Amino acid sequence: MAAAGAVAVGLVVDFTVHCPSKYLRAPRGKGRTVAVGIPDAFDTAETAILSTATILSGGFAMLVTSSVQFNADLGLLSAMAIVMVMLVSFLLLPSLLVLGNRKAPTSTASLKGAS
C-alpha cells in the first residue's frame, strides 16, 4: 500500500503549505501578533483545505466499490489518510506554528548586532 502512503505524504505537504504561508504573511505583513495571525491564517486556508480533503477523500472512497481488490484497498486507505491529514492540519499544525514562533528570533535587529 505504498501508493496510499505516497498520496498521504503529498497531501501533508499540500495542506501544510496553505496555513504557514498565510500565517507568515499575516503577522509580518500587517503587524499582527501571533494570537491573531493563527486564526487569521486558518480563516483563509480552512476553506481550501476542507474542500480539497472532501473532494479527494470522496473520490478515493468511490474506489472502494471496485471489484479489483487492490483498487478497493487503495481507495479505502487513501480516503482514510486524507481525512486524518486534514484533522492533523487543523488540530496539530496551529500548535506547531506557535512552537516554531517561540524559537524564531523576535527581530532582525538582534541578528544584525551579532554580525
PDB file of N, CA and C in Angstrom:
ATOM      1  N   MET A   1       0.815  -1.185   0.000  1.00  0.00           N
ATOM      2  CA  MET A   1       0.000   0.000   0.000  1.00  0.00           C
ATOM      3  C   MET A   1       0.869   1.263   0.000  1.00  0.00           C
ATOM      4  N   ALA A   2       1.974   1.153  -0.687  1.00  0.00           N
ATOM      5  CA  ALA A   2       2.871   2.303  -0.809  1.00  0.00           C
ATOM      6  C   ALA A   2       2.197   3.450  -1.547  1.00  0.00           C
ATOM      7  N   ALA A   3       1.278   3.134  -2.444  1.00  0.00           N
ATOM      8  CA  ALA A   3       0.589   4.186  -3.195  1.00  0.00           C
ATOM      9  C   ALA A   3      -0.246   5.054  -2.262  1.00  0.00           C
ATOM     10  N   ALA A   4      -0.908   4.447  -1.287  1.00  0.00           N
ATOM     11  CA  ALA A   4      -1.696   5.218  -0.323  1.00  0.00           C
ATOM     12  C   ALA A   4      -0.774   6.078   0.534  1.00  0.00           C
ATOM     13  N   GLY A   5       0.385   5.563   0.876  1.00  0.00           N
ATOM     14  CA  GLY A   5       1.350   6.349   1.640  1.00  0.00           C
ATOM     15  C   GLY A   5       1.866   7.532   0.847  1.00  0.00           C
ATOM     16  N   ALA A   6       2.101   7.323  -0.434  1.00  0.00           N
ATOM     17  CA  ALA A   6       2.558   8.423  -1.286  1.00  0.00           C
ATOM     18  C   ALA A   6       1.493   9.506  -1.404  1.00  0.00           C
ATOM     19  N   VAL A   7       0.244   9.107  -1.500  1.00  0.00           N
ATOM     20  CA  VAL A   7      -0.858  10.067  -1.554  1.00  0.00           C
ATOM     21  C   VAL A   7      -0.910  10.856  -0.256  1.00  0.00           C
ATOM     22  N   ALA A   8      -0.772  10.167   0.874  1.00  0.00           N
ATOM     23  CA  ALA A   8      -0.831  10.835   2.173  1.00  0.00           C
ATOM     24  C   ALA A   8       0.312  11.834   2.340  1.00  0.00           C
ATOM     25  N   VAL A   9       1.508  11.460   1.949  1.00  0.00           N
ATOM     26  CA  VAL A   9       2.656  12.365   2.071  1.00  0.00           C
ATOM     27  C   VAL A   9       2.461  13.588   1.183  1.00  0.00           C
ATOM     28  N   GLY A  10       1.976  13.381  -0.022  1.00  0.00           N
ATOM     29  CA  GLY A  10       1.718  14.507  -0.910  1.00  0.00           C
ATOM     30  C   GLY A  10       0.694  15.468  -0.353  1.00  0.00           C
ATOM     31  N   LEU A  11      -0.334  14.929   0.275  1.00  0.00           N
ATOM     32  CA  LEU A  11      -1.367  15.793   0.838  1.00  0.00           C
ATOM     33  C   LEU A  11      -0.897  16.491   2.110  1.00  0.00           C
ATOM     34  N   VAL A  12      -0.057  15.849   2.880  1.00  0.00           N
ATOM     35  CA  VAL A  12       0.501  16.510   4.062  1.00  0.00           C
ATOM     36  C   VAL A  12       1.235  17.769   3.624  1.00  0.00           C
ATOM     37  N   VAL A  13       2.027  17.644   2.586  1.00  0.00           N
ATOM     38  CA  VAL A  13       2.766  18.804   2.082  1.00  0.00           C
ATOM     39  C   VAL A  13       1.794  19.860   1.570  1.00  0.00           C
ATOM     40  N   ASP A  14       0.798  19.443   0.809  1.00  0.00           N
ATOM     41  CA  ASP A  14      -0.160  20.389   0.253  1.00  0.00           C
ATOM     42  C   ASP A  14      -0.927  21.120   1.344  1.00  0.00           C
ATOM     43  N   PHE A  15      -1.452  20.394   2.310  1.00  0.00           N
ATOM     44  CA  PHE A  15      -2.239  21.013   3.371  1.00  0.00           C
ATOM     45  C   PHE A  15      -1.392  21.910   4.257  1.00  0.00           C
ATOM     46  N   THR A  16      -0.181  21.475   4.559  1.00  0.00           N
ATOM     47  CA  THR A  16       0.640  22.261   5.480  1.00  0.00           C
ATOM     48  C   THR A  16       1.285  23.470   4.810  1.00  0.00           C
ATOM     49  N   VAL A  17       1.236  23.562   3.511  1.00  0.00           N
ATOM     50  CA  VAL A  17       1.748  24.757   2.845  1.00  0.00           C
ATOM     51  C   VAL A  17       0.748  25.904   2.953  1.00  0.00           C
ATOM     52  N   HIS A  18      -0.533  25.596   2.915  1.00  0.00           N
ATOM     53  CA  HIS A  18      -1.551  26.642   2.967  1.00  0.00           C
ATOM     54  C   HIS A  18      -1.452  27.486   4.231  1.00  0.00           C
ATOM     55  N   CYS A  19      -1.477  26.848   5.376  1.00  0.00           N
ATOM     56  CA  CYS A  19      -1.559  27.585   6.640  1.00  0.00           C
ATOM     57  C   CYS A  19      -0.289  28.355   6.996  1.00  0.00           C
ATOM     58  N   PRO A  20       0.888  27.752   6.933  1.00  0.00           N
ATOM     59  CA  PRO A  20       2.071  28.546   7.266  1.00  0.00           C
ATOM     60  C   PRO A  20       2.292  29.732   6.334  1.00  0.00           C
ATOM     61  N   SER A  21       1.954  29.586   5.061  1.00  0.00           N
ATOM     62  CA  SER A  21       2.139  30.723   4.165  1.00  0.00           C
ATOM     63  C   SER A  21       1.197  31.864   4.538  1.00  0.00           C
ATOM     64  N   LYS A  22      -0.027  31.543   4.864  1.00  0.00           N
ATOM     65  CA  LYS A  22      -0.977  32.582   5.302  1.00  0.00           C
ATOM     66  C   LYS A  22      -0.561  33.140   6.660  1.00  0.00           C
ATOM     67  N   TYR A  23      -0.070  32.274   7.526  1.00  0.00           N
ATOM     68  CA  TYR A  23       0.354  32.685   8.866  1.00  0.00           C
ATOM     69  C   TYR A  23       1.551  33.635   8.798  1.00  0.00           C
ATOM     70  N   LEU A  24       2.507  33.331   7.947  1.00  0.00           N
ATOM     71  CA  LEU A  24       3.694  34.175   7.844  1.00  0.00           C
ATOM     72  C   LEU A  24       3.375  35.534   7.227  1.00  0.00           C
ATOM     73  N   ARG A  25       2.407  35.587   6.369  1.00  0.00           N
ATOM     74  CA  ARG A  25       2.018  36.871   5.783  1.00  0.00           C
ATOM     75  C   ARG A  25       1.268  37.745   6.782  1.00  0.00           C
ATOM     76  N   ALA A  26       0.401  37.155   7.582  1.00  0.00           N
ATOM     77  CA  ALA A  26      -0.450  37.943   8.473  1.00  0.00           C
ATOM     78  C   ALA A  26       0.335  38.709   9.545  1.00  0.00           C
ATOM     79  N   PRO A  27       1.148  38.041  10.388  1.00  0.00           N
ATOM     80  CA  PRO A  27       1.821  38.802  11.442  1.00  0.00           C
ATOM     81  C   PRO A  27       2.860  39.779  10.902  1.00  0.00           C
ATOM     82  N   ARG A  28       3.610  39.396   9.905  1.00  0.00           N
ATOM     83  CA  ARG A  28       4.683  40.255   9.418  1.00  0.00           C
ATOM     84  C   ARG A  28       4.160  41.351   8.504  1.00  0.00           C
ATOM     85  N   GLY A  29       3.236  40.977   7.637  1.00  0.00           N
ATOM     86  CA  GLY A  29       2.747  41.947   6.667  1.00  0.00           C
ATOM     87  C   GLY A  29       1.825  42.996   7.250  1.00  0.00           C
ATOM     88  N   LYS A  30       1.072  42.632   8.262  1.00  0.00           N
ATOM     89  CA  LYS A  30       0.096  43.563   8.821  1.00  0.00           C
ATOM     90  C   LYS A  30       0.446  43.984  10.249  1.00  0.00           C
ATOM     91  N   GLY A  31       1.586  43.559  10.765  1.00  0.00           N
ATOM     92  CA  GLY A  31       1.998  43.934  12.107  1.00  0.00           C
ATOM     93  C   GLY A  31       1.154  43.303  13.200  1.00  0.00           C
ATOM     94  N   ARG A  32       0.592  42.143  12.935  1.00  0.00           N
ATOM     95  CA  ARG A  32      -0.276  41.486  13.916  1.00  0.00           C
ATOM     96  C   ARG A  32       0.514  40.556  14.814  1.00  0.00           C
ATOM     97  N   THR A  33      -0.093  40.201  15.921  1.00  0.00           N
ATOM     98  CA  THR A  33       0.537  39.283  16.853  1.00  0.00           C
ATOM     99  C   THR A  33       0.268  37.848  16.438  1.00  0.00           C
ATOM    100  N   VAL A  34       0.961  36.927  17.110  1.00  0.00           N
ATOM    101  CA  VAL A  34       0.780  35.502  16.830  1.00  0.00           C
ATOM    102  C   VAL A  34      -0.650  35.077  17.156  1.00  0.00           C
ATOM    103  N   ALA A  35      -1.200  35.609  18.230  1.00  0.00           N
ATOM    104  CA  ALA A  35      -2.557  35.239  18.648  1.00  0.00           C
ATOM    105  C   ALA A  35      -3.590  35.596  17.588  1.00  0.00           C
ATOM    106  N   VAL A  36      -3.328  36.605  16.812  1.00  0.00           N
ATOM    107  CA  VAL A  36      -4.250  36.994  15.741  1.00  0.00           C
ATOM    108  C   VAL A  36      -3.859  36.314  14.431  1.00  0.00           C
ATOM    109  N   GLY A  37      -2.567  36.068  14.232  1.00  0.00           N
ATOM    110  CA  GLY A  37      -2.079  35.513  12.978  1.00  0.00           C
ATOM    111  C   GLY A  37      -2.566  34.108  12.701  1.00  0.00           C
ATOM    112  N   ILE A  38      -2.594  33.265  13.718  1.00  0.00           N
ATOM    113  CA  ILE A  38      -3.013  31.869  13.504  1.00  0.00           C
ATOM    114  C   ILE A  38      -4.494  31.765  13.153  1.00  0.00           C
ATOM    115  N   PRO A  39      -5.405  32.393  13.918  1.00  0.00           N
ATOM    116  CA  PRO A  39      -6.809  32.310  13.491  1.00  0.00           C
ATOM    117  C   PRO A  39      -7.054  32.946  12.124  1.00  0.00           C
ATOM    118  N   ASP A  40      -6.333  34.027  11.835  1.00  0.00           N
ATOM    119  CA  ASP A  40      -6.488  34.671  10.534  1.00  0.00           C
ATOM    120  C   ASP A  40      -6.030  33.746   9.414  1.00  0.00           C
ATOM    121  N   ALA A  41      -4.922  33.058   9.635  1.00  0.00           N
ATOM    122  CA  ALA A  41      -4.413  32.119   8.628  1.00  0.00           C
ATOM    123  C   ALA A  41      -5.387  30.977   8.399  1.00  0.00           C
ATOM    124  N   PHE A  42      -5.943  30.449   9.467  1.00  0.00           N
ATOM    125  CA  PHE A  42      -6.868  29.331   9.314  1.00  0.00           C
ATOM    126  C   PHE A  42      -8.216  29.775   8.780  1.00  0.00           C
ATOM    127  N   ASP A  43      -8.597  31.016   9.034  1.00  0.00           N
ATOM    128  CA  ASP A  43      -9.846  31.513   8.454  1.00  0.00           C
ATOM    129  C   ASP A  43      -9.768  31.534   6.942  1.00  0.00           C
ATOM    130  N   THR A  44      -8.593  31.884   6.418  1.00  0.00           N
ATOM    131  CA  THR A  44      -8.470  31.963   4.963  1.00  0.00           C
ATOM    132  C   THR A  44      -8.115  30.616   4.334  1.00  0.00           C
ATOM    133  N   ALA A  45      -7.404  29.760   5.055  1.00  0.00           N
ATOM    134  CA  ALA A  45      -6.949  28.495   4.464  1.00  0.00           C
ATOM    135  C   ALA A  45      -7.887  27.328   4.734  1.00  0.00           C
ATOM    136  N   GLU A  46      -8.771  27.448   5.722  1.00  0.00           N
ATOM    137  CA  GLU A  46      -9.592  26.300   6.081  1.00  0.00           C
ATOM    138  C   GLU A  46     -10.536  25.891   4.963  1.00  0.00           C
ATOM    139  N   THR A  47     -11.037  26.839   4.205  1.00  0.00           N
ATOM    140  CA  THR A  47     -11.936  26.501   3.101  1.00  0.00           C
ATOM    141  C   THR A  47     -11.208  25.684   2.043  1.00  0.00           C
ATOM    142  N   ALA A  48      -9.980  26.088   1.729  1.00  0.00           N
ATOM    143  CA  ALA A  48      -9.200  25.355   0.725  1.00  0.00           C
ATOM    144  C   ALA A  48      -8.878  23.944   1.210  1.00  0.00           C
ATOM    145  N   ILE A  49      -8.464  23.820   2.454  1.00  0.00           N
ATOM    146  CA  ILE A  49      -8.115  22.502   2.999  1.00  0.00           C
ATOM    147  C   ILE A  49      -9.352  21.616   3.089  1.00  0.00           C
ATOM    148  N   LEU A  50     -10.430  22.161   3.612  1.00  0.00           N
ATOM    149  CA  LEU A  50     -11.653  21.380   3.789  1.00  0.00           C
ATOM    150  C   LEU A  50     -12.234  20.928   2.449  1.00  0.00           C
ATOM    151  N   SER A  51     -12.275  21.819   1.481  1.00  0.00           N
ATOM    152  CA  SER A  51     -12.845  21.427   0.188  1.00  0.00           C
ATOM    153  C   SER A  51     -11.947  20.426  -0.540  1.00  0.00           C
ATOM    154  N   THR A  52     -10.635  20.626  -0.470  1.00  0.00           N
ATOM    155  CA  THR A  52      -9.718  19.677  -1.104  1.00  0.00           C
ATOM    156  C   THR A  52      -9.831  18.303  -0.463  1.00  0.00           C
ATOM    157  N   ALA A  53      -9.862  18.261   0.860  1.00  0.00           N
ATOM    158  CA  ALA A  53      -9.961  16.979   1.567  1.00  0.00           C
ATOM    159  C   ALA A  53     -11.284  16.283   1.272  1.00  0.00           C
ATOM    160  N   THR A  54     -12.355  17.034   1.226  1.00  0.00           N
ATOM    161  CA  THR A  54     -13.668  16.444   0.972  1.00  0.00           C
ATOM    162  C   THR A  54     -13.740  15.854  -0.444  1.00  0.00           C
ATOM    163  N   ILE A  55     -13.281  16.617  -1.414  1.00  0.00           N
ATOM    164  CA  ILE A  55     -13.341  16.145  -2.802  1.00  0.00           C
ATOM    165  C   ILE A  55     -12.431  14.937  -3.011  1.00  0.00           C
ATOM    166  N   LEU A  56     -11.198  15.024  -2.508  1.00  0.00           N
ATOM    167  CA  LEU A  56     -10.270  13.912  -2.719  1.00  0.00           C
ATOM    168  C   LEU A  56     -10.667  12.655  -1.954  1.00  0.00           C
ATOM    169  N   SER A  57     -11.096  12.804  -0.709  1.00  0.00           N
ATOM    170  CA  SER A  57     -11.493  11.609   0.042  1.00  0.00           C
ATOM    171  C   SER A  57     -12.747  10.987  -0.559  1.00  0.00           C
ATOM    172  N   GLY A  58     -13.659  11.814  -1.052  1.00  0.00           N
ATOM    173  CA  GLY A  58     -14.841  11.275  -1.727  1.00  0.00           C
ATOM    174  C   GLY A  58     -14.481  10.540  -3.005  1.00  0.00           C
ATOM    175  N   GLY A  59     -13.556  11.096  -3.757  1.00  0.00           N
ATOM    176  CA  GLY A  59     -13.113  10.444  -4.987  1.00  0.00           C
ATOM    177  C   GLY A  59     -12.431   9.111  -4.726  1.00  0.00           C
ATOM    178  N   PHE A  60     -11.542   9.099  -3.737  1.00  0.00           N
ATOM    179  CA  PHE A  60     -10.875   7.841  -3.408  1.00  0.00           C
ATOM    180  C   PHE A  60     -11.844   6.849  -2.773  1.00  0.00           C
ATOM    181  N   ALA A  61     -12.828   7.335  -2.033  1.00  0.00           N
ATOM    182  CA  ALA A  61     -13.811   6.430  -1.423  1.00  0.00           C
ATOM    183  C   ALA A  61     -14.638   5.716  -2.489  1.00  0.00           C
ATOM    184  N   MET A  62     -14.783   6.332  -3.640  1.00  0.00           N
ATOM    185  CA  MET A  62     -15.508   5.682  -4.730  1.00  0.00           C
ATOM    186  C   MET A  62     -14.791   4.413  -5.204  1.00  0.00           C
ATOM    187  N   LEU A  63     -13.471   4.366  -5.023  1.00  0.00           N
ATOM    188  CA  LEU A  63     -12.722   3.178  -5.426  1.00  0.00           C
ATOM    189  C   LEU A  63     -13.052   1.958  -4.566  1.00  0.00           C
ATOM    190  N   VAL A  64     -13.639   2.180  -3.409  1.00  0.00           N
ATOM    191  CA  VAL A  64     -13.998   1.063  -2.527  1.00  0.00           C
ATOM    192  C   VAL A  64     -14.993   0.135  -3.224  1.00  0.00           C
ATOM    193  N   THR A  65     -15.766   0.665  -4.142  1.00  0.00           N
ATOM    194  CA  THR A  65     -16.763  -0.153  -4.845  1.00  0.00           C
ATOM    195  C   THR A  65     -16.156  -0.972  -5.984  1.00  0.00           C
ATOM    196  N   SER A  66     -14.862  -0.821  -6.219  1.00  0.00           N
ATOM    197  CA  SER A  66     -14.208  -1.539  -7.306  1.00  0.00           C
ATOM    198  C   SER A  66     -14.187  -3.044  -7.043  1.00  0.00           C
ATOM    199  N   SER A  67     -14.296  -3.807  -8.115  1.00  0.00           N
ATOM    200  CA  SER A  67     -14.229  -5.261  -7.973  1.00  0.00           C
ATOM    201  C   SER A  67     -12.777  -5.743  -7.869  1.00  0.00           C
ATOM    202  N   VAL A  68     -11.840  -4.882  -8.221  1.00  0.00           N
ATOM    203  CA  VAL A  68     -10.414  -5.216  -8.090  1.00  0.00           C
ATOM    204  C   VAL A  68      -9.997  -4.883  -6.659  1.00  0.00           C
ATOM    205  N   GLN A  69      -9.549  -5.882  -5.933  1.00  0.00           N
ATOM    206  CA  GLN A  69      -9.256  -5.713  -4.507  1.00  0.00           C
ATOM    207  C   GLN A  69      -8.188  -4.652  -4.253  1.00  0.00           C
ATOM    208  N   PHE A  70      -7.157  -4.604  -5.098  1.00  0.00           N
ATOM    209  CA  PHE A  70      -6.108  -3.604  -4.910  1.00  0.00           C
ATOM    210  C   PHE A  70      -6.676  -2.189  -4.983  1.00  0.00           C
ATOM    211  N   ASN A  71      -7.536  -1.941  -5.965  1.00  0.00           N
ATOM    212  CA  ASN A  71      -8.145  -0.611  -6.096  1.00  0.00           C
ATOM    213  C   ASN A  71      -9.038  -0.281  -4.917  1.00  0.00           C
ATOM    214  N   ALA A  72      -9.785  -1.263  -4.438  1.00  0.00           N
ATOM    215  CA  ALA A  72     -10.659  -1.041  -3.292  1.00  0.00           C
ATOM    216  C   ALA A  72      -9.840  -0.717  -2.044  1.00  0.00           C
ATOM    217  N   ASP A  73      -8.764  -1.464  -1.837  1.00  0.00           N
ATOM    218  CA  ASP A  73      -7.892  -1.193  -0.682  1.00  0.00           C
ATOM    219  C   ASP A  73      -7.224   0.172  -0.793  1.00  0.00           C
ATOM    220  N   LEU A  74      -6.743   0.495  -1.984  1.00  0.00           N
ATOM    221  CA  LEU A  74      -6.114   1.794  -2.211  1.00  0.00           C
ATOM    222  C   LEU A  74      -7.099   2.921  -1.928  1.00  0.00           C
ATOM    223  N   GLY A  75      -8.311   2.785  -2.397  1.00  0.00           N
ATOM    224  CA  GLY A  75      -9.331   3.808  -2.171  1.00  0.00           C
ATOM    225  C   GLY A  75      -9.643   3.998  -0.697  1.00  0.00           C
ATOM    226  N   LEU A  76      -9.793   2.895   0.015  1.00  0.00           N
ATOM    227  CA  LEU A  76     -10.115   2.984   1.439  1.00  0.00           C
ATOM    228  C   LEU A  76      -8.973   3.605   2.232  1.00  0.00           C
ATOM    229  N   LEU A  77      -7.773   3.119   2.024  1.00  0.00           N
ATOM    230  CA  LEU A  77      -6.627   3.660   2.763  1.00  0.00           C
ATOM    231  C   LEU A  77      -6.346   5.114   2.410  1.00  0.00           C
ATOM    232  N   SER A  78      -6.471   5.456   1.149  1.00  0.00           N
ATOM    233  CA  SER A  78      -6.228   6.845   0.743  1.00  0.00           C
ATOM    234  C   SER A  78      -7.281   7.783   1.320  1.00  0.00           C
ATOM    235  N   ALA A  79      -8.538   7.384   1.279  1.00  0.00           N
ATOM    236  CA  ALA A  79      -9.604   8.230   1.835  1.00  0.00           C
ATOM    237  C   ALA A  79      -9.400   8.433   3.334  1.00  0.00           C
ATOM    238  N   MET A  80      -9.039   7.359   4.046  1.00  0.00           N
ATOM    239  CA  MET A  80      -8.788   7.495   5.487  1.00  0.00           C
ATOM    240  C   MET A  80      -7.571   8.375   5.746  1.00  0.00           C
ATOM    241  N   ALA A  81      -6.532   8.219   4.940  1.00  0.00           N
ATOM    242  CA  ALA A  81      -5.323   9.028   5.116  1.00  0.00           C
ATOM    243  C   ALA A  81      -5.614  10.503   4.861  1.00  0.00           C
ATOM    244  N   ILE A  82      -6.428  10.806   3.883  1.00  0.00           N
ATOM    245  CA  ILE A  82      -6.766  12.198   3.566  1.00  0.00           C
ATOM    246  C   ILE A  82      -7.515  12.837   4.725  1.00  0.00           C
ATOM    247  N   VAL A  83      -8.470  12.122   5.292  1.00  0.00           N
ATOM    248  CA  VAL A  83      -9.221  12.656   6.427  1.00  0.00           C
ATOM    249  C   VAL A  83      -8.307  12.841   7.638  1.00  0.00           C
ATOM    250  N   MET A  84      -7.418  11.899   7.872  1.00  0.00           N
ATOM    251  CA  MET A  84      -6.502  12.024   9.010  1.00  0.00           C
ATOM    252  C   MET A  84      -5.537  13.188   8.823  1.00  0.00           C
ATOM    253  N   VAL A  85      -5.046  13.388   7.609  1.00  0.00           N
ATOM    254  CA  VAL A  85      -4.147  14.511   7.337  1.00  0.00           C
ATOM    255  C   VAL A  85      -4.871  15.836   7.543  1.00  0.00           C
ATOM    256  N   MET A  86      -6.119  15.903   7.132  1.00  0.00           N
ATOM    257  CA  MET A  86      -6.897  17.120   7.338  1.00  0.00           C
ATOM    258  C   MET A  86      -7.064  17.407   8.831  1.00  0.00           C
ATOM    259  N   LEU A  87      -7.372  16.374   9.604  1.00  0.00           N
ATOM    260  CA  LEU A  87      -7.536  16.570  11.043  1.00  0.00           C
ATOM    261  C   LEU A  87      -6.238  17.011  11.707  1.00  0.00           C
ATOM    262  N   VAL A  88      -5.136  16.425  11.297  1.00  0.00           N
ATOM    263  CA  VAL A  88      -3.840  16.830  11.844  1.00  0.00           C
ATOM    264  C   VAL A  88      -3.538  18.276  11.474  1.00  0.00           C
ATOM    265  N   SER A  89      -3.885  18.667  10.255  1.00  0.00           N
ATOM    266  CA  SER A  89      -3.654  20.044   9.822  1.00  0.00           C
ATOM    267  C   SER A  89      -4.443  21.034  10.675  1.00  0.00           C
ATOM    268  N   PHE A  90      -5.640  20.666  11.056  1.00  0.00           N
ATOM    269  CA  PHE A  90      -6.461  21.572  11.862  1.00  0.00           C
ATOM    270  C   PHE A  90      -6.143  21.503  13.355  1.00  0.00           C
ATOM    271  N   LEU A  91      -5.728  20.340  13.847  1.00  0.00           N
ATOM    272  CA  LEU A  91      -5.534  20.178  15.287  1.00  0.00           C
ATOM    273  C   LEU A  91      -4.087  20.343  15.747  1.00  0.00           C
ATOM    274  N   LEU A  92      -3.135  19.866  14.972  1.00  0.00           N
ATOM    275  CA  LEU A  92      -1.743  19.881  15.407  1.00  0.00           C
ATOM    276  C   LEU A  92      -0.944  21.043  14.826  1.00  0.00           C
ATOM    277  N   LEU A  93      -1.238  21.426  13.608  1.00  0.00           N
ATOM    278  CA  LEU A  93      -0.454  22.468  12.946  1.00  0.00           C
ATOM    279  C   LEU A  93      -0.457  23.808  13.676  1.00  0.00           C
ATOM    280  N   PRO A  94      -1.580  24.276  14.230  1.00  0.00           N
ATOM    281  CA  PRO A  94      -1.518  25.546  14.968  1.00  0.00           C
ATOM    282  C   PRO A  94      -0.529  25.508  16.137  1.00  0.00           C
ATOM    283  N   SER A  95      -0.492  24.390  16.845  1.00  0.00           N
ATOM    284  CA  SER A  95       0.453  24.267  17.960  1.00  0.00           C
ATOM    285  C   SER A  95       1.895  24.292  17.465  1.00  0.00           C
ATOM    286  N   LEU A  96       2.148  23.641  16.340  1.00  0.00           N
ATOM    287  CA  LEU A  96       3.498  23.644  15.778  1.00  0.00           C
ATOM    288  C   LEU A  96       3.901  25.037  15.315  1.00  0.00           C
ATOM    289  N   LEU A  97       2.955  25.804  14.802  1.00  0.00           N
ATOM    290  CA  LEU A  97       3.256  27.170  14.395  1.00  0.00           C
ATOM    291  C   LEU A  97       3.614  28.048  15.597  1.00  0.00           C
ATOM    292  N   VAL A  98       2.899  27.862  16.693  1.00  0.00           N
ATOM    293  CA  VAL A  98       3.204  28.621  17.910  1.00  0.00           C
ATOM    294  C   VAL A  98       4.578  28.230  18.436  1.00  0.00           C
ATOM    295  N   LEU A  99       4.867  26.939  18.478  1.00  0.00           N
ATOM    296  CA  LEU A  99       6.181  26.494  18.952  1.00  0.00           C
ATOM    297  C   LEU A  99       7.295  27.003  18.051  1.00  0.00           C
ATOM    298  N   GLY A 100       7.083  26.995  16.766  1.00  0.00           N
ATOM    299  CA  GLY A 100       8.088  27.499  15.839  1.00  0.00           C
ATOM    300  C   GLY A 100       8.313  28.986  15.990  1.00  0.00           C
ATOM    301  N   ASN A 101       7.256  29.716  16.317  1.00  0.00           N
ATOM    302  CA  ASN A 101       7.376  31.153  16.505  1.00  0.00           C
ATOM    303  C   ASN A 101       8.151  31.487  17.776  1.00  0.00           C
ATOM    304  N   ARG A 102       8.035  30.671  18.793  1.00  0.00           N
ATOM    305  CA  ARG A 102       8.763  30.912  20.044  1.00  0.00           C
ATOM    306  C   ARG A 102      10.259  30.740  19.857  1.00  0.00           C
ATOM    307  N   LYS A 103      10.656  29.841  18.959  1.00  0.00           N
ATOM    308  CA  LYS A 103      12.071  29.583  18.741  1.00  0.00           C
ATOM    309  C   LYS A 103      12.695  30.559  17.758  1.00  0.00           C
ATOM    310  N   ALA A 104      11.884  31.252  16.979  1.00  0.00           N
ATOM    311  CA  ALA A 104      12.400  32.185  15.983  1.00  0.00           C
ATOM    312  C   ALA A 104      12.837  33.481  16.659  1.00  0.00           C
ATOM    313  N   PRO A 105      13.837  34.172  16.115  1.00  0.00           N
ATOM    314  CA  PRO A 105      14.240  35.460  16.675  1.00  0.00           C
ATOM    315  C   PRO A 105      13.109  36.450  16.557  1.00  0.00           C
ATOM    316  N   THR A 106      13.004  37.347  17.532  1.00  0.00           N
ATOM    317  CA  THR A 106      11.894  38.289  17.563  1.00  0.00           C
ATOM    318  C   THR A 106      12.073  39.435  16.588  1.00  0.00           C
ATOM    319  N   SER A 107      13.316  39.769  16.250  1.00  0.00           N
ATOM    320  CA  SER A 107      13.519  40.841  15.296  1.00  0.00           C
ATOM    321  C   SER A 107      14.823  40.609  14.547  1.00  0.00           C
ATOM    322  N   THR A 108      14.953  41.302  13.441  1.00  0.00           N
ATOM    323  CA  THR A 108      16.192  41.187  12.669  1.00  0.00           C
ATOM    324  C   THR A 108      17.289  42.073  13.262  1.00  0.00           C
ATOM    325  N   ALA A 109      16.916  43.003  14.129  1.00  0.00           N
ATOM    326  CA  ALA A 109      17.921  43.863  14.741  1.00  0.00           C
ATOM    327  C   ALA A 109      18.891  43.055  15.614  1.00  0.00           C
ATOM    328  N   SER A 110      18.378  42.037  16.297  1.00  0.00           N
ATOM    329  CA  SER A 110      19.250  41.213  17.136  1.00  0.00           C
ATOM    330  C   SER A 110      20.233  40.417  16.282  1.00  0.00           C
ATOM    331  N   LEU A 111      19.820  40.057  15.054  1.00  0.00           N
ATOM    332  CA  LEU A 111      20.720  39.343  14.174  1.00  0.00           C
ATOM    333  C   LEU A 111      21.791  40.269  13.589  1.00  0.00           C
ATOM    334  N   LYS A 112      21.431  41.515  13.309  1.00  0.00           N
ATOM    335  CA  LYS A 112      22.396  42.449  12.752  1.00  0.00           C
ATOM    336  C   LYS A 112      23.473  42.803  13.762  1.00  0.00           C
ATOM    337  N   GLY A 113      23.099  42.890  15.039  1.00  0.00           N
ATOM    338  CA  GLY A 113      24.063  43.232  16.068  1.00  0.00           C
ATOM    339  C   GLY A 113      25.059  42.125  16.330  1.00  0.00           C
ATOM    340  N   ALA A 114      24.682  40.878  15.988  1.00  0.00           N
ATOM    341  CA  ALA A 114      25.544  39.730  16.251  1.00  0.00           C
ATOM    342  C   ALA A 114      26.639  39.592  15.209  1.00  0.00           C
ATOM    343  N   SER A 115      26.469  40.192  14.034  1.00  0.00           N
ATOM    344  CA  SER A 115      27.483  40.004  12.978  1.00  0.00           C
ATOM    345  C   SER A 115      28.609  40.995  13.059  1.00  0.00           C
TER     346      SER A 115
END
